[in-house]
Amino acid sequence: GMRTERFDFDEIVDQAHFYSQFGERFMLADAAIRDLDDLWRVITGKQLPLPLEILFINLGRGQKRRYSALILLFDKAEEELEGQLRFTTQ
């Protein structure tokens, strides 16, 4: 089946913390993620174990606003990767 990775926003303190968590989860030591552009390059650049499901959990309304650019990026990546990436927020 599809590998599922959950990112828990009760534990993630800010966007920089998310980047480091994401990098650790996929062992991207050689590709440090510092911003949304880096993240986009990693996701669309065949560096992830596709097919893949990404879940953002414990994302409250305030956090949805705070992380809206991040959420938008994953929504766009899901379109771009045509079924290879499934992205859900809970």
PDB file of N, CA and C in Angstrom:
ATOM      1  N   GLY A   1       0.831  -1.225   0.000  1.00  0.00           N
ATOM      2  CA  GLY A   1       0.000   0.000   0.000  1.00  0.00           C
ATOM      3  C   GLY A   1       0.850   1.253   0.000  1.00  0.00           C
ATOM      4  N   MET A   2       0.154   2.333   0.185  1.00  0.00           N
ATOM      5  CA  MET A   2       0.794   3.645   0.160  1.00  0.00           C
ATOM      6  C   MET A   2       1.391   3.956   1.531  1.00  0.00           C
ATOM      7  N   ARG A   3       2.608   4.427   1.552  1.00  0.00           N
ATOM      8  CA  ARG A   3       3.214   4.845   2.819  1.00  0.00           C
ATOM      9  C   ARG A   3       2.509   6.101   3.330  1.00  0.00           C
ATOM     10  N   THR A   4       2.229   6.117   4.619  1.00  0.00           N
ATOM     11  CA  THR A   4       1.570   7.267   5.243  1.00  0.00           C
ATOM     12  C   THR A   4       2.499   7.890   6.279  1.00  0.00           C
ATOM     13  N   GLU A   5       2.644   9.201   6.203  1.00  0.00           N
ATOM     14  CA  GLU A   5       3.427   9.934   7.208  1.00  0.00           C
ATOM     15  C   GLU A   5       2.544  11.006   7.821  1.00  0.00           C
ATOM     16  N   ARG A   6       2.477  10.992   9.153  1.00  0.00           N
ATOM     17  CA  ARG A   6       1.674  11.976   9.888  1.00  0.00           C
ATOM     18  C   ARG A   6       2.564  13.040  10.512  1.00  0.00           C
ATOM     19  N   PHE A   7       2.147  14.271  10.366  1.00  0.00           N
ATOM     20  CA  PHE A   7       2.829  15.382  11.032  1.00  0.00           C
ATOM     21  C   PHE A   7       1.840  15.997  12.022  1.00  0.00           C
ATOM     22  N   ASP A   8       2.212  15.949  13.292  1.00  0.00           N
ATOM     23  CA  ASP A   8       1.316  16.338  14.380  1.00  0.00           C
ATOM     24  C   ASP A   8       1.585  17.789  14.781  1.00  0.00           C
ATOM     25  N   PHE A   9       0.604  18.652  14.519  1.00  0.00           N
ATOM     26  CA  PHE A   9       0.800  20.075  14.776  1.00  0.00           C
ATOM     27  C   PHE A   9       0.580  20.453  16.244  1.00  0.00           C
ATOM     28  N   ASP A  10       0.285  19.460  17.088  1.00  0.00           N
ATOM     29  CA  ASP A  10       0.377  19.684  18.535  1.00  0.00           C
ATOM     30  C   ASP A  10       1.852  19.683  18.949  1.00  0.00           C
ATOM     31  N   GLU A  11       2.693  19.035  18.138  1.00  0.00           N
ATOM     32  CA  GLU A  11       4.117  18.914  18.470  1.00  0.00           C
ATOM     33  C   GLU A  11       5.006  19.870  17.669  1.00  0.00           C
ATOM     34  N   ILE A  12       4.518  20.307  16.532  1.00  0.00           N
ATOM     35  CA  ILE A  12       5.331  21.184  15.669  1.00  0.00           C
ATOM     36  C   ILE A  12       5.185  22.625  16.149  1.00  0.00           C
ATOM     37  N   VAL A  13       6.320  23.252  16.442  1.00  0.00           N
ATOM     38  CA  VAL A  13       6.256  24.585  17.054  1.00  0.00           C
ATOM     39  C   VAL A  13       6.218  25.729  16.041  1.00  0.00           C
ATOM     40  N   ASP A  14       6.855  25.543  14.890  1.00  0.00           N
ATOM     41  CA  ASP A  14       6.820  26.575  13.851  1.00  0.00           C
ATOM     42  C   ASP A  14       7.226  25.967  12.516  1.00  0.00           C
ATOM     43  N   GLN A  15       7.254  26.791  11.487  1.00  0.00           N
ATOM     44  CA  GLN A  15       7.501  26.267  10.146  1.00  0.00           C
ATOM     45  C   GLN A  15       8.911  25.693   9.994  1.00  0.00           C
ATOM     46  N   ALA A  16       9.891  26.343  10.637  1.00  0.00           N
ATOM     47  CA  ALA A  16      11.268  25.840  10.601  1.00  0.00           C
ATOM     48  C   ALA A  16      11.341  24.439  11.225  1.00  0.00           C
ATOM     49  N   HIS A  17      10.600  24.247  12.294  1.00  0.00           N
ATOM     50  CA  HIS A  17      10.537  22.946  12.958  1.00  0.00           C
ATOM     51  C   HIS A  17       9.905  21.904  12.038  1.00  0.00           C
ATOM     52  N   PHE A  18       8.855  22.314  11.307  1.00  0.00           N
ATOM     53  CA  PHE A  18       8.252  21.402  10.337  1.00  0.00           C
ATOM     54  C   PHE A  18       9.287  20.973   9.292  1.00  0.00           C
ATOM     55  N   TYR A  19      10.056  21.933   8.761  1.00  0.00           N
ATOM     56  CA  TYR A  19      11.062  21.599   7.738  1.00  0.00           C
ATOM     57  C   TYR A  19      12.052  20.560   8.254  1.00  0.00           C
ATOM     58  N   SER A  20      12.513  20.741   9.488  1.00  0.00           N
ATOM     59  CA  SER A  20      13.503  19.796  10.013  1.00  0.00           C
ATOM     60  C   SER A  20      12.868  18.432  10.265  1.00  0.00           C
ATOM     61  N   GLN A  21      11.620  18.420  10.740  1.00  0.00           N
ATOM     62  CA  GLN A  21      10.895  17.159  10.923  1.00  0.00           C
ATOM     63  C   GLN A  21      10.722  16.426   9.588  1.00  0.00           C
ATOM     64  N   PHE A  22      10.349  17.188   8.572  1.00  0.00           N
ATOM     65  CA  PHE A  22      10.118  16.624   7.246  1.00  0.00           C
ATOM     66  C   PHE A  22      11.416  16.027   6.695  1.00  0.00           C
ATOM     67  N   GLY A  23      12.500  16.790   6.837  1.00  0.00           N
ATOM     68  CA  GLY A  23      13.807  16.318   6.388  1.00  0.00           C
ATOM     69  C   GLY A  23      14.248  15.048   7.093  1.00  0.00           C
ATOM     70  N   GLU A  24      14.042  15.000   8.409  1.00  0.00           N
ATOM     71  CA  GLU A  24      14.399  13.806   9.186  1.00  0.00           C
ATOM     72  C   GLU A  24      13.561  12.605   8.771  1.00  0.00           C
ATOM     73  N   ARG A  25      12.267  12.831   8.591  1.00  0.00           N
ATOM     74  CA  ARG A  25      11.337  11.748   8.285  1.00  0.00           C
ATOM     75  C   ARG A  25      11.724  11.042   6.990  1.00  0.00           C
ATOM     76  N   PHE A  26      12.183  11.834   6.011  1.00  0.00           N
ATOM     77  CA  PHE A  26      12.531  11.246   4.714  1.00  0.00           C
ATOM     78  C   PHE A  26      14.043  11.156   4.501  1.00  0.00           C
ATOM     79  N   MET A  27      14.793  11.343   5.602  1.00  0.00           N
ATOM     80  CA  MET A  27      16.251  11.231   5.564  1.00  0.00           C
ATOM     81  C   MET A  27      16.873  12.047   4.435  1.00  0.00           C
ATOM     82  N   LEU A  28      16.526  13.326   4.417  1.00  0.00           N
ATOM     83  CA  LEU A  28      16.990  14.231   3.371  1.00  0.00           C
ATOM     84  C   LEU A  28      18.186  15.049   3.854  1.00  0.00           C
ATOM     85  N   ALA A  29      19.113  14.384   4.517  1.00  0.00           N
ATOM     86  CA  ALA A  29      20.243  15.086   5.137  1.00  0.00           C
ATOM     87  C   ALA A  29      20.984  15.979   4.146  1.00  0.00           C
ATOM     88  N   ASP A  30      21.102  15.502   2.911  1.00  0.00           N
ATOM     89  CA  ASP A  30      21.846  16.242   1.885  1.00  0.00           C
ATOM     90  C   ASP A  30      21.049  17.413   1.320  1.00  0.00           C
ATOM     91  N   ALA A  31      19.769  17.472   1.612  1.00  0.00           N
ATOM     92  CA  ALA A  31      18.920  18.518   1.047  1.00  0.00           C
ATOM     93  C   ALA A  31      18.203  19.266   2.163  1.00  0.00           C
ATOM     94  N   ALA A  32      18.934  20.066   2.908  1.00  0.00           N
ATOM     95  CA  ALA A  32      18.322  20.808   4.010  1.00  0.00           C
ATOM     96  C   ALA A  32      17.224  21.712   3.467  1.00  0.00           C
ATOM     97  N   ILE A  33      16.080  21.706   4.151  1.00  0.00           N
ATOM     98  CA  ILE A  33      14.952  22.525   3.734  1.00  0.00           C
ATOM     99  C   ILE A  33      14.914  23.772   4.605  1.00  0.00           C
ATOM    100  N   ARG A  34      15.044  24.919   3.959  1.00  0.00           N
ATOM    101  CA  ARG A  34      15.068  26.176   4.697  1.00  0.00           C
ATOM    102  C   ARG A  34      13.836  27.034   4.423  1.00  0.00           C
ATOM    103  N   ASP A  35      13.166  26.772   3.302  1.00  0.00           N
ATOM    104  CA  ASP A  35      12.009  27.595   2.956  1.00  0.00           C
ATOM    105  C   ASP A  35      11.063  26.811   2.050  1.00  0.00           C
ATOM    106  N   LEU A  36       9.982  27.459   1.630  1.00  0.00           N
ATOM    107  CA  LEU A  36       8.974  26.793   0.808  1.00  0.00           C
ATOM    108  C   LEU A  36       9.526  26.376  -0.554  1.00  0.00           C
ATOM    109  N   ASP A  37      10.445  27.162  -1.100  1.00  0.00           N
ATOM    110  CA  ASP A  37      11.054  26.799  -2.395  1.00  0.00           C
ATOM    111  C   ASP A  37      11.840  25.498  -2.289  1.00  0.00           C
ATOM    112  N   ASP A  38      12.623  25.369  -1.218  1.00  0.00           N
ATOM    113  CA  ASP A  38      13.375  24.129  -0.984  1.00  0.00           C
ATOM    114  C   ASP A  38      12.416  22.948  -0.857  1.00  0.00           C
ATOM    115  N   LEU A  39      11.338  23.166  -0.104  1.00  0.00           N
ATOM    116  CA  LEU A  39      10.364  22.108   0.129  1.00  0.00           C
ATOM    117  C   LEU A  39       9.730  21.666  -1.196  1.00  0.00           C
ATOM    118  N   TRP A  40       9.353  22.636  -2.019  1.00  0.00           N
ATOM    119  CA  TRP A  40       8.753  22.346  -3.332  1.00  0.00           C
ATOM    120  C   TRP A  40       9.715  21.514  -4.187  1.00  0.00           C
ATOM    121  N   ARG A  41      10.990  21.916  -4.192  1.00  0.00           N
ATOM    122  CA  ARG A  41      11.996  21.183  -4.984  1.00  0.00           C
ATOM    123  C   ARG A  41      12.117  19.732  -4.533  1.00  0.00           C
ATOM    124  N   VAL A  42      12.101  19.515  -3.225  1.00  0.00           N
ATOM    125  CA  VAL A  42      12.210  18.154  -2.676  1.00  0.00           C
ATOM    126  C   VAL A  42      10.988  17.319  -3.074  1.00  0.00           C
ATOM    127  N   ILE A  43       9.799  17.902  -2.893  1.00  0.00           N
ATOM    128  CA  ILE A  43       8.561  17.155  -3.138  1.00  0.00           C
ATOM    129  C   ILE A  43       8.395  16.815  -4.619  1.00  0.00           C
ATOM    130  N   THR A  44       8.729  17.755  -5.487  1.00  0.00           N
ATOM    131  CA  THR A  44       8.501  17.528  -6.917  1.00  0.00           C
ATOM    132  C   THR A  44       9.736  16.968  -7.615  1.00  0.00           C
ATOM    133  N   GLY A  45      10.826  16.800  -6.875  1.00  0.00           N
ATOM    134  CA  GLY A  45      12.092  16.395  -7.483  1.00  0.00           C
ATOM    135  C   GLY A  45      12.463  14.944  -7.270  1.00  0.00           C
ATOM    136  N   LYS A  46      11.460  14.089  -7.115  1.00  0.00           N
ATOM    137  CA  LYS A  46      11.710  12.644  -7.016  1.00  0.00           C
ATOM    138  C   LYS A  46      12.578  12.262  -5.812  1.00  0.00           C
ATOM    139  N   GLN A  47      12.509  13.059  -4.743  1.00  0.00           N
ATOM    140  CA  GLN A  47      13.307  12.738  -3.556  1.00  0.00           C
ATOM    141  C   GLN A  47      12.490  12.048  -2.473  1.00  0.00           C
ATOM    142  N   LEU A  48      11.178  11.872  -2.732  1.00  0.00           N
ATOM    143  CA  LEU A  48      10.318  11.235  -1.741  1.00  0.00           C
ATOM    144  C   LEU A  48       9.919   9.840  -2.198  1.00  0.00           C
ATOM    145  N   PRO A  49       9.612   8.953  -1.233  1.00  0.00           N
ATOM    146  CA  PRO A  49       9.213   7.595  -1.576  1.00  0.00           C
ATOM    147  C   PRO A  49       7.753   7.549  -2.038  1.00  0.00           C
ATOM    148  N   LEU A  50       7.527   7.834  -3.313  1.00  0.00           N
ATOM    149  CA  LEU A  50       6.167   7.845  -3.856  1.00  0.00           C
ATOM    150  C   LEU A  50       5.742   6.421  -4.202  1.00  0.00           C
ATOM    151  N   PRO A  51       4.439   6.087  -4.185  1.00  0.00           N
ATOM    152  CA  PRO A  51       3.330   6.957  -3.758  1.00  0.00           C
ATOM    153  C   PRO A  51       3.342   7.170  -2.244  1.00  0.00           C
ATOM    154  N   LEU A  52       2.786   8.303  -1.834  1.00  0.00           N
ATOM    155  CA  LEU A  52       2.924   8.732  -0.455  1.00  0.00           C
ATOM    156  C   LEU A  52       1.687   9.494  -0.010  1.00  0.00           C
ATOM    157  N   GLU A  53       1.272   9.231   1.213  1.00  0.00           N
ATOM    158  CA  GLU A  53       0.204  10.014   1.825  1.00  0.00           C
ATOM    159  C   GLU A  53       0.790  10.834   2.959  1.00  0.00           C
ATOM    160  N   ILE A  54       0.502  12.125   2.952  1.00  0.00           N
ATOM    161  CA  ILE A  54       0.941  13.034   4.018  1.00  0.00           C
ATOM    162  C   ILE A  54      -0.292  13.509   4.764  1.00  0.00           C
ATOM    163  N   LEU A  55      -0.284  13.317   6.078  1.00  0.00           N
ATOM    164  CA  LEU A  55      -1.383  13.794   6.916  1.00  0.00           C
ATOM    165  C   LEU A  55      -0.865  14.879   7.846  1.00  0.00           C
ATOM    166  N   PHE A  56      -1.566  16.007   7.879  1.00  0.00           N
ATOM    167  CA  PHE A  56      -1.328  17.014   8.906  1.00  0.00           C
ATOM    168  C   PHE A  56      -2.427  16.809   9.935  1.00  0.00           C
ATOM    169  N   ILE A  57      -2.056  16.454  11.165  1.00  0.00           N
ATOM    170  CA  ILE A  57      -3.086  16.227  12.182  1.00  0.00           C
ATOM    171  C   ILE A  57      -3.008  17.282  13.288  1.00  0.00           C
ATOM    172  N   ASN A  58      -4.128  17.414  14.018  1.00  0.00           N
ATOM    173  CA  ASN A  58      -4.255  18.404  15.090  1.00  0.00           C
ATOM    174  C   ASN A  58      -3.990  19.823  14.591  1.00  0.00           C
ATOM    175  N   LEU A  59      -4.590  20.117  13.455  1.00  0.00           N
ATOM    176  CA  LEU A  59      -4.413  21.432  12.838  1.00  0.00           C
ATOM    177  C   LEU A  59      -5.674  22.239  13.121  1.00  0.00           C
ATOM    178  N   GLY A  60      -5.598  23.102  14.137  1.00  0.00           N
ATOM    179  CA  GLY A  60      -6.754  23.937  14.489  1.00  0.00           C
ATOM    180  C   GLY A  60      -6.908  25.098  13.520  1.00  0.00           C
ATOM    181  N   ARG A  61      -7.974  25.882  13.718  1.00  0.00           N
ATOM    182  CA  ARG A  61      -8.245  27.005  12.805  1.00  0.00           C
ATOM    183  C   ARG A  61      -7.104  28.008  12.765  1.00  0.00           C
ATOM    184  N   GLY A  62      -6.599  28.357  13.947  1.00  0.00           N
ATOM    185  CA  GLY A  62      -5.496  29.323  14.007  1.00  0.00           C
ATOM    186  C   GLY A  62      -4.267  28.815  13.278  1.00  0.00           C
ATOM    187  N   GLN A  63      -3.997  27.525  13.438  1.00  0.00           N
ATOM    188  CA  GLN A  63      -2.836  26.943  12.777  1.00  0.00           C
ATOM    189  C   GLN A  63      -3.048  26.823  11.275  1.00  0.00           C
ATOM    190  N   LYS A  64      -4.295  26.570  10.859  1.00  0.00           N
ATOM    191  CA  LYS A  64      -4.587  26.525   9.423  1.00  0.00           C
ATOM    192  C   LYS A  64      -4.257  27.863   8.779  1.00  0.00           C
ATOM    193  N   ARG A  65      -4.553  28.952   9.503  1.00  0.00           N
ATOM    194  CA  ARG A  65      -4.198  30.290   9.010  1.00  0.00           C
ATOM    195  C   ARG A  65      -2.683  30.466   9.018  1.00  0.00           C
ATOM    196  N   ARG A  66      -2.078  30.118  10.146  1.00  0.00           N
ATOM    197  CA  ARG A  66      -0.642  30.313  10.329  1.00  0.00           C
ATOM    198  C   ARG A  66       0.172  29.542   9.293  1.00  0.00           C
ATOM    199  N   TYR A  67      -0.294  28.338   8.958  1.00  0.00           N
ATOM    200  CA  TYR A  67       0.441  27.476   8.031  1.00  0.00           C
ATOM    201  C   TYR A  67      -0.202  27.417   6.652  1.00  0.00           C
ATOM    202  N   SER A  68      -0.963  28.463   6.312  1.00  0.00           N
ATOM    203  CA  SER A  68      -1.728  28.416   5.053  1.00  0.00           C
ATOM    204  C   SER A  68      -0.828  28.265   3.823  1.00  0.00           C
ATOM    205  N   ALA A  69       0.340  28.899   3.834  1.00  0.00           N
ATOM    206  CA  ALA A  69       1.246  28.791   2.677  1.00  0.00           C
ATOM    207  C   ALA A  69       1.774  27.366   2.526  1.00  0.00           C
ATOM    208  N   LEU A  70       2.032  26.726   3.659  1.00  0.00           N
ATOM    209  CA  LEU A  70       2.507  25.342   3.674  1.00  0.00           C
ATOM    210  C   LEU A  70       1.421  24.395   3.146  1.00  0.00           C
ATOM    211  N   ILE A  71       0.196  24.617   3.612  1.00  0.00           N
ATOM    212  CA  ILE A  71      -0.936  23.788   3.188  1.00  0.00           C
ATOM    213  C   ILE A  71      -1.181  23.956   1.689  1.00  0.00           C
ATOM    214  N   LEU A  72      -1.130  25.195   1.231  1.00  0.00           N
ATOM    215  CA  LEU A  72      -1.311  25.489  -0.194  1.00  0.00           C
ATOM    216  C   LEU A  72      -0.247  24.784  -1.040  1.00  0.00           C
ATOM    217  N   LEU A  73       0.982  24.807  -0.549  1.00  0.00           N
ATOM    218  CA  LEU A  73       2.069  24.142  -1.277  1.00  0.00           C
ATOM    219  C   LEU A  73       1.787  22.642  -1.425  1.00  0.00           C
ATOM    220  N   PHE A  74       1.341  21.994  -0.362  1.00  0.00           N
ATOM    221  CA  PHE A  74       1.045  20.562  -0.452  1.00  0.00           C
ATOM    222  C   PHE A  74      -0.162  20.291  -1.352  1.00  0.00           C
ATOM    223  N   ASP A  75      -1.150  21.192  -1.316  1.00  0.00           N
ATOM    224  CA  ASP A  75      -2.296  21.049  -2.229  1.00  0.00           C
ATOM    225  C   ASP A  75      -1.832  21.121  -3.687  1.00  0.00           C
ATOM    226  N   LYS A  76      -0.949  22.070  -3.984  1.00  0.00           N
ATOM    227  CA  LYS A  76      -0.430  22.218  -5.351  1.00  0.00           C
ATOM    228  C   LYS A  76       0.422  21.022  -5.752  1.00  0.00           C
ATOM    229  N   ALA A  77       1.225  20.533  -4.790  1.00  0.00           N
ATOM    230  CA  ALA A  77       2.081  19.375  -5.062  1.00  0.00           C
ATOM    231  C   ALA A  77       1.234  18.139  -5.356  1.00  0.00           C
ATOM    232  N   GLU A  78       0.113  18.006  -4.646  1.00  0.00           N
ATOM    233  CA  GLU A  78      -0.785  16.881  -4.860  1.00  0.00           C
ATOM    234  C   GLU A  78      -1.312  16.892  -6.294  1.00  0.00           C
ATOM    235  N   GLU A  79      -1.673  18.074  -6.784  1.00  0.00           N
ATOM    236  CA  GLU A  79      -2.114  18.224  -8.174  1.00  0.00           C
ATOM    237  C   GLU A  79      -0.997  17.875  -9.145  1.00  0.00           C
ATOM    238  N   GLU A  80       0.166  18.445  -8.881  1.00  0.00           N
ATOM    239  CA  GLU A  80       1.337  18.275  -9.750  1.00  0.00           C
ATOM    240  C   GLU A  80       1.734  16.803  -9.887  1.00  0.00           C
ATOM    241  N   LEU A  81       1.646  16.057  -8.797  1.00  0.00           N
ATOM    242  CA  LEU A  81       2.131  14.674  -8.784  1.00  0.00           C
ATOM    243  C   LEU A  81       1.064  13.653  -9.189  1.00  0.00           C
ATOM    244  N   GLU A  82      -0.109  14.165  -9.555  1.00  0.00           N
ATOM    245  CA  GLU A  82      -1.155  13.351 -10.193  1.00  0.00           C
ATOM    246  C   GLU A  82      -1.365  11.974  -9.558  1.00  0.00           C
ATOM    247  N   GLY A  83      -1.768  11.962  -8.286  1.00  0.00           N
ATOM    248  CA  GLY A  83      -2.118  10.697  -7.654  1.00  0.00           C
ATOM    249  C   GLY A  83      -0.973  10.015  -6.921  1.00  0.00           C
ATOM    250  N   GLN A  84       0.240  10.480  -7.138  1.00  0.00           N
ATOM    251  CA  GLN A  84       1.382   9.895  -6.428  1.00  0.00           C
ATOM    252  C   GLN A  84       1.496  10.431  -4.998  1.00  0.00           C
ATOM    253  N   LEU A  85       0.887  11.579  -4.773  1.00  0.00           N
ATOM    254  CA  LEU A  85       0.896  12.192  -3.445  1.00  0.00           C
ATOM    255  C   LEU A  85      -0.540  12.440  -3.022  1.00  0.00           C
ATOM    256  N   ARG A  86      -0.893  11.979  -1.825  1.00  0.00           N
ATOM    257  CA  ARG A  86      -2.204  12.289  -1.261  1.00  0.00           C
ATOM    258  C   ARG A  86      -1.963  13.120  -0.022  1.00  0.00           C
ATOM    259  N   PHE A  87      -2.652  14.276   0.050  1.00  0.00           N
ATOM    260  CA  PHE A  87      -2.442  15.200   1.163  1.00  0.00           C
ATOM    261  C   PHE A  87      -3.775  15.472   1.863  1.00  0.00           C
ATOM    262  N   THR A  88      -3.785  15.307   3.198  1.00  0.00           N
ATOM    263  CA  THR A  88      -5.008  15.507   3.971  1.00  0.00           C
ATOM    264  C   THR A  88      -4.695  16.264   5.254  1.00  0.00           C
ATOM    265  N   THR A  89      -5.580  17.162   5.633  1.00  0.00           N
ATOM    266  CA  THR A  89      -5.462  17.818   6.942  1.00  0.00           C
ATOM    267  C   THR A  89      -6.632  17.384   7.811  1.00  0.00           C
ATOM    268  N   GLN A  90      -6.354  17.208   9.104  1.00  0.00           N
ATOM    269  CA  GLN A  90      -7.386  16.791  10.053  1.00  0.00           C
ATOM    270  C   GLN A  90      -7.348  17.671  11.297  1.00  0.00           C
TER     271      GLN A  90
END
